[in-house]
Amino acid sequence: MNVQRIMLGAQDAAGPMGQGYRGLELAALPEYTPPLPRAGPGANVSHEVAMILIDGKQTARDIRAELKAQVEAAVSAGRRAPGLAVILVGEDPASQVYVRNKERACAEAGILSFPYRLPADTTQEALLALIAELNGRDDVDGILLQLPLPKHLSASACLLAIDPAKDVDGFHPENVGRLSLNLPGMVSCTPAGVIELLRRYNLPTRGKKAVVLGRSDIVGKPLALLLARPGEFGDATVTLCHSRTPDLAAECRSADFLFLAIGRPRMITGDMVREGAVIIDVGINRTDDGLCGDADFESVSKKAAAITPVPGGVGPMTIAMLLKNTVQAWEGRA
């Protein structure tokens, strides 16, 4: 199989915000024709057709560069830079790594980062008071509460306390509801990153069968809603699968687009995938052999028209879309 990477140019897909999100206009997405031939979803893949290896790492770099140019132009015209407050409670090692990566990405995009590192014994009242303070600050456009929290704290109560217009994670019930009603609002970063990859690699889902494996509140459910939305990179017939789905293999084989978010290393194998399918692997699993996705890449990639690797596929897009949401919130507050 001839595997080739395609590095796409800059495109912006910022959407307009409704009530409470005024001031943001929808940028038209330019048409893009991939420079390499590819098999469309559902087509047979042969050795004469190049498989697309979807490079999320490069795409995330492109997004950061686009955001930096946008912010620098605004700052040069006299606007303040956007600001993101990042709250970390406790000393969870993985969370500390994630927060450092987010702060580094903010710097690359020209976004001010306001870190708040709180001790593990922080009370619920103290955390809610901090969130209330950040809600009222004019220099803070986005608030990110790093999860998980220590067990004595209620994540749901804290997330609910964040101003929906500053909820750059897209977890607030108001933003979830706006997504379900096809209204503009903050969208959960990982699903938004998946759709952004489809856009930039010109892989339209309109009229196609999309199967989403996993029904989590932060990936599977919002992704299914995005795929069902009207538009070239929506308008799919969506099946949402989970642990109780009978004959999962048959559901997978029916998919033109297969989205994996189940957290089971290499669970989806080549015999569960149709020829020419597009495979978006959201799973990140640690094994003795290193990181891997929910797909058995070696066997699945032989049948796919396009596939995301793990690592380097969807993962980098999550932080990139967090930055994009922050700039969106900043624009909406102009």
Protein backbone atom coordinates (compact mmCIF):
# COMPACT_ATOMS: atom_id res chain seq x y z
CA MET A 1 0.00 0.00 0.00
CA ASN A 2 1.34 3.39 -0.98
CA VAL A 3 0.91 5.59 2.08
CA GLN A 4 1.42 9.31 1.58
CA ARG A 5 0.99 12.30 3.85
CA ILE A 6 -0.89 15.34 2.63
CA MET A 7 -0.05 18.66 4.30
CA LEU A 8 -2.96 20.99 3.66
CA GLY A 9 -2.96 24.76 3.61
CA ALA A 10 -4.76 27.06 5.97
CA GLN A 11 -8.51 27.11 6.18
CA ASP A 12 -10.68 28.66 8.85
CA ALA A 13 -14.08 27.39 9.82
CA ALA A 14 -15.07 29.73 12.64
CA GLY A 15 -18.82 29.90 13.03
CA PRO A 16 -21.14 32.72 14.11
CA MET A 17 -22.30 32.84 17.66
CA GLY A 18 -25.89 33.46 18.69
CA GLN A 19 -27.25 35.14 21.78
CA GLY A 20 -24.42 35.88 24.18
CA TYR A 21 -21.85 35.21 21.42
CA ARG A 22 -22.32 38.25 19.17
CA GLY A 23 -19.62 39.70 16.97
CA LEU A 24 -18.32 36.63 15.17
CA GLU A 25 -18.87 36.10 11.45
CA LEU A 26 -18.72 32.84 9.54
CA ALA A 27 -15.66 32.59 7.33
CA ALA A 28 -16.34 30.88 4.03
CA LEU A 29 -14.44 27.63 3.67
CA PRO A 30 -12.51 27.59 0.39
CA GLU A 31 -12.89 24.66 -1.94
CA TYR A 32 -9.98 22.26 -1.84
CA THR A 33 -9.02 19.47 -4.20
CA PRO A 34 -6.48 16.97 -2.81
CA PRO A 35 -3.30 16.82 -4.90
CA LEU A 36 -3.24 13.02 -4.76
CA PRO A 37 -5.83 10.58 -6.07
CA ARG A 38 -7.83 8.79 -3.43
CA ALA A 39 -10.63 6.33 -3.13
CA GLY A 40 -13.87 7.80 -1.94
CA PRO A 41 -15.69 6.30 1.02
CA GLY A 42 -17.10 2.95 0.04
CA ALA A 43 -14.90 2.54 -3.03
CA ASN A 44 -12.46 -0.30 -3.55
CA VAL A 45 -8.88 0.58 -2.65
CA SER A 46 -6.18 -0.69 -5.00
CA HIS A 47 -2.43 -0.31 -5.19
CA GLU A 48 -2.96 2.36 -7.86
CA VAL A 49 -4.81 4.61 -5.40
CA ALA A 50 -2.90 6.40 -2.65
CA MET A 51 -4.24 6.01 0.87
CA ILE A 52 -4.44 9.27 2.78
CA LEU A 53 -2.64 9.27 6.11
CA ILE A 54 -4.38 12.12 7.92
CA ASP A 55 -1.72 14.17 9.66
CA GLY A 56 -3.29 15.78 12.70
CA LYS A 57 0.04 16.98 14.01
CA GLN A 58 0.72 19.12 10.94
CA THR A 59 -2.90 20.28 10.76
CA ALA A 60 -2.71 21.43 14.39
CA ARG A 61 0.47 23.36 13.58
CA ASP A 62 -1.35 25.01 10.67
CA ILE A 63 -4.23 26.02 12.96
CA ARG A 64 -1.89 27.51 15.55
CA ALA A 65 -0.16 29.52 12.81
CA GLU A 66 -3.50 30.77 11.48
CA LEU A 67 -4.63 31.80 14.95
CA LYS A 68 -1.33 33.54 15.64
CA ALA A 69 -1.68 35.60 12.45
CA GLN A 70 -5.27 36.48 13.34
CA VAL A 71 -4.36 37.52 16.89
CA GLU A 72 -1.28 39.50 15.84
CA ALA A 73 -3.29 41.44 13.27
CA ALA A 74 -5.92 42.33 15.89
CA VAL A 75 -3.33 43.30 18.50
CA SER A 76 -1.54 45.48 15.94
CA ALA A 77 -4.86 47.24 15.37
CA GLY A 78 -5.16 48.00 19.10
CA ARG A 79 -7.08 45.05 20.53
CA ARG A 80 -5.92 43.14 23.55
CA ALA A 81 -4.80 39.54 23.05
CA PRO A 82 -7.19 36.72 23.95
CA GLY A 83 -6.77 35.16 27.37
CA LEU A 84 -7.28 31.59 28.61
CA ALA A 85 -7.44 30.74 32.31
CA VAL A 86 -6.31 27.18 33.08
CA ILE A 87 -7.22 25.68 36.46
CA LEU A 88 -5.36 22.62 37.72
CA VAL A 89 -6.30 21.18 41.13
CA GLY A 90 -3.90 18.69 42.67
CA GLU A 91 -0.78 17.06 41.26
CA ASP A 92 -2.03 14.40 38.86
CA PRO A 93 1.04 13.74 36.63
CA ALA A 94 -0.93 13.28 33.41
CA SER A 95 -2.94 16.44 34.04
CA GLN A 96 0.25 18.40 34.68
CA VAL A 97 1.60 17.28 31.29
CA TYR A 98 -1.66 18.20 29.55
CA VAL A 99 -1.71 21.64 31.15
CA ARG A 100 1.91 22.35 30.19
CA ASN A 101 1.14 21.36 26.61
CA LYS A 102 -1.88 23.66 26.54
CA GLU A 103 0.11 26.57 27.95
CA ARG A 104 2.85 26.01 25.36
CA ALA A 105 0.28 25.89 22.57
CA CYS A 106 -1.27 29.14 23.82
CA ALA A 107 2.10 30.87 23.59
CA GLU A 108 2.57 29.63 20.01
CA ALA A 109 -0.82 31.04 19.00
CA GLY A 110 -0.38 34.40 20.71
CA ILE A 111 -2.96 33.63 23.41
CA LEU A 112 -2.28 34.79 26.96
CA SER A 113 -2.39 31.95 29.48
CA PHE A 114 -3.42 32.53 33.09
CA PRO A 115 -2.45 29.42 35.10
CA TYR A 116 -4.07 28.57 38.43
CA ARG A 117 -2.46 25.63 40.20
CA LEU A 118 -4.38 24.81 43.34
CA PRO A 119 -3.56 22.33 46.09
CA ALA A 120 -5.35 18.99 46.16
CA ASP A 121 -7.21 19.93 49.35
CA THR A 122 -8.87 22.98 47.74
CA THR A 123 -12.49 23.22 48.87
CA GLN A 124 -15.50 23.25 46.58
CA GLU A 125 -16.35 26.75 47.79
CA ALA A 126 -12.85 28.07 46.98
CA LEU A 127 -12.89 26.56 43.51
CA LEU A 128 -16.34 27.95 42.73
CA ALA A 129 -15.24 31.37 44.00
CA LEU A 130 -12.26 31.32 41.61
CA ILE A 131 -14.50 30.37 38.69
CA ALA A 132 -16.90 33.20 39.58
CA GLU A 133 -13.97 35.62 39.63
CA LEU A 134 -12.74 34.45 36.22
CA ASN A 135 -16.26 34.69 34.80
CA GLY A 136 -16.23 38.39 35.63
CA ARG A 137 -12.78 39.25 34.31
CA ASP A 138 -12.69 41.12 31.00
CA ASP A 139 -9.21 39.83 30.13
CA VAL A 140 -10.28 36.19 30.40
CA ASP A 141 -12.09 34.88 27.32
CA GLY A 142 -11.93 31.17 28.10
CA ILE A 143 -11.86 29.05 31.24
CA LEU A 144 -10.48 25.54 31.21
CA LEU A 145 -10.92 23.32 34.25
CA GLN A 146 -8.53 20.40 33.92
CA LEU A 147 -10.17 17.07 34.74
CA PRO A 148 -10.18 14.82 36.67
CA LEU A 149 -10.61 16.72 39.90
CA PRO A 150 -9.80 15.30 43.35
CA LYS A 151 -12.60 13.01 44.53
CA HIS A 152 -14.00 15.41 47.12
CA LEU A 153 -14.81 18.00 44.42
CA SER A 154 -17.86 17.93 42.14
CA ALA A 155 -16.75 18.32 38.53
CA SER A 156 -20.32 18.74 37.32
CA ALA A 157 -21.01 21.61 39.75
CA CYS A 158 -17.80 23.36 38.73
CA LEU A 159 -18.39 22.94 35.00
CA LEU A 160 -21.93 24.23 35.43
CA ALA A 161 -20.55 27.33 37.17
CA ILE A 162 -18.43 28.35 34.15
CA ASP A 163 -19.96 31.08 32.00
CA PRO A 164 -21.15 29.24 28.81
CA ALA A 165 -19.59 32.01 26.68
CA LYS A 166 -16.21 31.17 28.27
CA ASP A 167 -16.70 27.40 28.27
CA VAL A 168 -13.97 26.66 25.72
CA ASP A 169 -14.12 22.93 26.49
CA GLY A 170 -17.73 22.87 25.29
CA PHE A 171 -18.89 20.86 28.33
CA HIS A 172 -21.51 23.25 29.76
CA PRO A 173 -25.09 21.95 29.40
CA GLU A 174 -26.07 25.13 27.57
CA ASN A 175 -23.45 24.53 24.90
CA VAL A 176 -24.38 20.86 24.66
CA GLY A 177 -28.00 21.89 24.21
CA ARG A 178 -27.11 24.45 21.55
CA LEU A 179 -25.24 21.75 19.65
CA SER A 180 -28.23 19.42 19.80
CA LEU A 181 -30.47 22.21 18.47
CA ASN A 182 -28.02 23.08 15.69
CA LEU A 183 -27.36 26.50 17.21
CA PRO A 184 -23.95 28.20 17.33
CA GLY A 185 -21.97 27.73 20.50
CA MET A 186 -18.83 26.16 21.93
CA VAL A 187 -18.29 22.61 20.68
CA SER A 188 -16.34 19.94 22.56
CA CYS A 189 -12.77 20.11 21.30
CA THR A 190 -12.11 16.53 20.19
CA PRO A 191 -15.28 16.14 18.07
CA ALA A 192 -14.69 19.60 16.62
CA GLY A 193 -11.15 18.53 15.75
CA VAL A 194 -12.45 15.45 13.95
CA ILE A 195 -14.77 17.56 11.78
CA GLU A 196 -11.94 20.00 11.11
CA LEU A 197 -9.77 17.15 9.82
CA LEU A 198 -12.55 16.02 7.50
CA ARG A 199 -12.86 19.57 6.16
CA ARG A 200 -9.18 20.09 5.60
CA TYR A 201 -8.71 16.74 3.91
CA ASN A 202 -11.84 17.22 1.79
CA LEU A 203 -13.58 14.10 3.06
CA PRO A 204 -17.28 15.06 2.93
CA THR A 205 -19.75 12.96 4.86
CA ARG A 206 -22.91 14.24 3.17
CA GLY A 207 -25.12 11.32 2.16
CA LYS A 208 -22.73 8.76 3.65
CA LYS A 209 -23.13 6.18 6.39
CA ALA A 210 -21.21 7.17 9.52
CA VAL A 211 -20.73 4.80 12.43
CA VAL A 212 -19.51 6.17 15.76
CA LEU A 213 -18.17 3.68 18.30
CA GLY A 214 -18.51 5.06 21.81
CA ARG A 215 -21.25 7.16 23.43
CA SER A 216 -19.27 9.35 25.84
CA ASP A 217 -20.55 12.83 26.61
CA ILE A 218 -17.34 14.49 25.40
CA VAL A 219 -16.65 12.55 22.17
CA GLY A 220 -19.21 10.04 20.90
CA LYS A 221 -22.46 11.91 21.50
CA PRO A 222 -21.34 15.37 20.31
CA LEU A 223 -19.57 13.82 17.31
CA ALA A 224 -22.77 12.03 16.29
CA LEU A 225 -24.66 15.33 16.52
CA LEU A 226 -22.04 17.14 14.41
CA LEU A 227 -22.16 14.43 11.75
CA ALA A 228 -25.94 14.74 11.55
CA ARG A 229 -25.88 18.53 11.18
CA PRO A 230 -26.71 19.98 7.75
CA GLY A 231 -23.66 20.62 5.60
CA GLU A 232 -21.04 19.00 3.43
CA PHE A 233 -19.21 17.65 6.47
CA GLY A 234 -22.45 16.63 8.17
CA ASP A 235 -25.64 15.30 6.61
CA ALA A 236 -24.52 11.74 7.36
CA THR A 237 -26.73 8.84 8.33
CA VAL A 238 -25.33 8.22 11.80
CA THR A 239 -25.30 5.05 13.89
CA LEU A 240 -24.04 5.40 17.47
CA CYS A 241 -22.69 2.09 18.76
CA HIS A 242 -21.81 1.09 22.30
CA SER A 243 -21.13 -1.94 24.50
CA ARG A 244 -24.67 -3.27 24.08
CA THR A 245 -24.74 -3.02 20.27
CA PRO A 246 -25.39 -6.46 18.73
CA ASP A 247 -23.11 -7.56 15.88
CA LEU A 248 -20.71 -4.66 16.16
CA ALA A 249 -18.58 -6.02 13.31
CA ALA A 250 -21.52 -5.81 10.91
CA GLU A 251 -22.18 -2.22 11.93
CA CYS A 252 -18.54 -1.34 11.32
CA ARG A 253 -18.54 -2.99 7.90
CA SER A 254 -21.59 -0.91 6.91
CA ALA A 255 -19.73 2.36 7.48
CA ASP A 256 -18.37 4.69 4.83
CA PHE A 257 -16.92 6.67 7.75
CA LEU A 258 -15.93 4.84 10.93
CA PHE A 259 -15.15 6.87 14.07
CA LEU A 260 -13.52 4.97 16.94
CA ALA A 261 -13.75 6.28 20.50
CA ILE A 262 -14.06 3.23 22.75
CA GLY A 263 -10.67 3.07 24.50
CA ARG A 264 -9.95 -0.56 23.57
CA PRO A 265 -6.49 -1.08 22.06
CA ARG A 266 -6.55 -2.44 18.47
CA MET A 267 -10.11 -3.72 18.91
CA ILE A 268 -11.19 -2.92 15.34
CA THR A 269 -9.43 -5.16 12.85
CA GLY A 270 -9.25 -5.23 9.08
CA ASP A 271 -12.01 -7.81 8.70
CA MET A 272 -14.42 -5.39 10.45
CA VAL A 273 -13.87 -2.58 7.91
CA ARG A 274 -15.19 -2.20 4.39
CA GLU A 275 -12.89 -1.44 1.47
CA GLY A 276 -12.44 2.29 0.96
CA ALA A 277 -13.76 3.39 4.34
CA VAL A 278 -12.46 6.48 6.10
CA ILE A 279 -11.22 5.59 9.59
CA ILE A 280 -10.93 8.27 12.27
CA ASP A 281 -9.31 6.76 15.37
CA VAL A 282 -9.89 8.88 18.48
CA GLY A 283 -8.64 6.20 20.88
CA ILE A 284 -5.33 6.68 22.70
CA ASN A 285 -4.28 3.55 24.59
CA ARG A 286 -1.07 2.86 26.47
CA THR A 287 0.29 -0.64 25.93
CA ASP A 288 3.58 -2.41 26.51
CA ASP A 289 4.42 -1.60 22.89
CA GLY A 290 3.64 2.10 23.29
CA LEU A 291 0.64 4.18 22.29
CA CYS A 292 -1.96 2.75 19.93
CA GLY A 293 -5.47 3.50 18.83
CA ASP A 294 -8.71 1.55 18.89
CA ALA A 295 -7.92 0.26 15.38
CA ASP A 296 -5.38 -2.38 14.48
CA PHE A 297 -3.59 0.03 12.19
CA GLU A 298 -1.64 -2.57 10.22
CA SER A 299 -4.68 -4.52 9.05
CA VAL A 300 -7.20 -1.65 8.89
CA SER A 301 -4.94 0.68 6.89
CA LYS A 302 -4.73 -1.89 4.08
CA LYS A 303 -8.43 -1.38 3.38
CA ALA A 304 -8.91 2.28 4.24
CA ALA A 305 -9.14 5.18 1.82
CA ALA A 306 -7.97 7.45 4.64
CA ILE A 307 -6.99 6.89 8.26
CA THR A 308 -5.66 8.79 11.26
CA PRO A 309 -2.56 7.36 12.95
CA VAL A 310 -2.12 7.08 16.71
CA PRO A 311 -0.26 9.03 17.87
CA GLY A 312 -0.28 12.03 15.54
CA GLY A 313 -3.88 11.93 14.30
CA VAL A 314 -6.81 13.26 16.31
CA GLY A 315 -4.84 13.86 19.53
CA PRO A 316 -3.04 17.09 18.50
CA MET A 317 -6.32 18.48 17.18
CA THR A 318 -7.91 18.59 20.64
CA ILE A 319 -5.60 21.33 21.91
CA ALA A 320 -5.72 23.13 18.55
CA MET A 321 -9.51 23.33 18.76
CA LEU A 322 -9.29 24.51 22.37
CA LEU A 323 -7.24 27.45 21.10
CA LYS A 324 -9.70 27.98 18.24
CA ASN A 325 -12.59 28.03 20.74
CA THR A 326 -10.70 30.58 22.86
CA VAL A 327 -10.21 32.87 19.88
CA GLN A 328 -13.87 32.34 18.94
CA ALA A 329 -14.92 33.40 22.44
CA TRP A 330 -12.58 36.42 22.24
CA GLU A 331 -14.07 37.46 18.90
CA GLY A 332 -17.56 37.03 20.29
CA ARG A 333 -16.80 39.43 23.12
CA ALA A 334 -15.42 42.20 20.86
